[in-house]
Structure formats: C-alpha cells, structure tokens
C-alpha cells in the first residue's frame, strides 16, 4: 500500500487546497489536535496521511472548543500529489468518521490562508425554551426553560456591541491572546417560537467569548440584569461579573467569509438548518 501511495507524490510545487468542513462537535475535543482525544484537525490530518502515506499539516480559520459544532469551517493544506483539487472532498470523506464531513474542496492561490485571508467569522447560538426536552434538538441547543426570555431586552443589550471594542469581560483568563479588541460587524437576537437564536459576526473572536456573552445575555432576557447593567459590565471590563458560560453544544461556527472564495454560496452560506416545530 505504501509503495502505491508513493506514486501519488510529484516533484512539482505543491498545490494549495481549501476545504469547507462540517462537524458535529458532540464527541470531538474541538478543532485543534491534541495528544489525547479526537479532534477535527487530527482526524483530517490522519485521513490525508492515509492517502499520501506521509504527514501533511492543515490550517483552520478558527479554533472551535470541545463540543462546538461547525456548519462551514474552512481549512487549507498543501497538496503534493496528483489528486485534483475538487476530488479531495470525496477522497477524504471515505476516510473520515461520520461526525466530520468535507462539503467541498478547491484550489486556491499559494498565498491564500484559511485564517489570515478571512474577513470575518460568524457564529450562531441556539437556545431551546420549551419546557419539555426534545431528543432531536438537544445536541445542538441549550435547553433553557427555567424562566421566560424577553427577546426585546436581549436585542437592546447586544446592539451597542457593534463596532471595535475591548471585550475583556468576555475573554477567558486561560487564553494566550495578548489583547481583547474585537471588531463586531453584526449581532442579533431573534425568536422563532421556542427557539432563540443569537448570531454574531466579527473579524475574530476571543477564547470563549461567544459562550460567555450568551451566558450573561440570558441574565438580561430573564430579568436578572438590566440592559444598562449588561452594557456597564462589558464597557468597564468587569470580568468577575461574567460567571456563567453557555453550554458548548448550542454554539455553531456558521460560516467564514473571504474577499476571494472559490466556493459557491450554496456550499458555505448558512448551511446549519434552523429548527422549526409546529406552533402550539
């Protein structure tokens, strides 16, 4: 098998391949490979190694935490083989576990980078508010039913976040990032019957930022915090008052945007279905 795989390797310069990736994070330890535990990066690199009989590094647009999902994560690697760029999606899917899927693969310029070429990342957080649990909703939402959530208060609280802000209140202390500046391009809260969705788009995200923000925002929705208190907490960087992180399973990396992207929108734009149940 190894000798056969070696025939795939060429002496020509490696071609850079971009991947659009979906994964259900329930049984994964996040994006970044680790010494122990299954990760998205680790599983894809192992799949590539099976094809080429050699190790190849892949680079993602962002590092999602353990338990977080992705509808359209983006990564790239340098392909030293004769396998055509569009074929890599099918080649890898045959070798990946069921909770990771390559939506598509394409050739990109040699200086294109999944992380550094990105203009924005967008996340969606889903909260399920019906009193009864639902097996088909549970893996992808936070079941919060203890108190009603007033969507108008939540939307009023997040509106001032648009812009370039120092968000140390939503920055986990074990992060290696040297600053807490984030340029939030868009943020919204919407309700569809029993489902509350918070979407946030920014140039980049702090470690644990969205889950900490949602945890505090729920306190606005249930009346424990006023809109003004919420705003004061993040504007004055009161990290000690942000005590609760929303569960990882409600969070999904919805998409990553690029000025020059080789994939049609049908591949990467809003591919996480929204939940909709019959009205009661």
Foldseek 3Di string as FASTA:
>chain_A
DQVVLQQFFDPDFWFKKKWWKWFQQQQAQKADDDPDTHHVQVQQQVLVCVNNVDGWGKAWQDIAGRRATAQTTMIMTTHRGPDAFFCVQVSSVVRGDPRMHTLTMHTDDPPDGNHPQFQKWKKKFKEFADPDDDPVCVQAHHDHPPAAFDQVQLFLLCVVVAAWAFQLLQADPPDPDPGRIWHKHDWHWDDDARMIMIMTMTRDHHVLRVQLLVQVSSCCRRVVDGSVRSVCCRRVNVNVVSDGGHDNSRMYRQAIHGPDDPDDCVRRHRRPDDDDDDDD
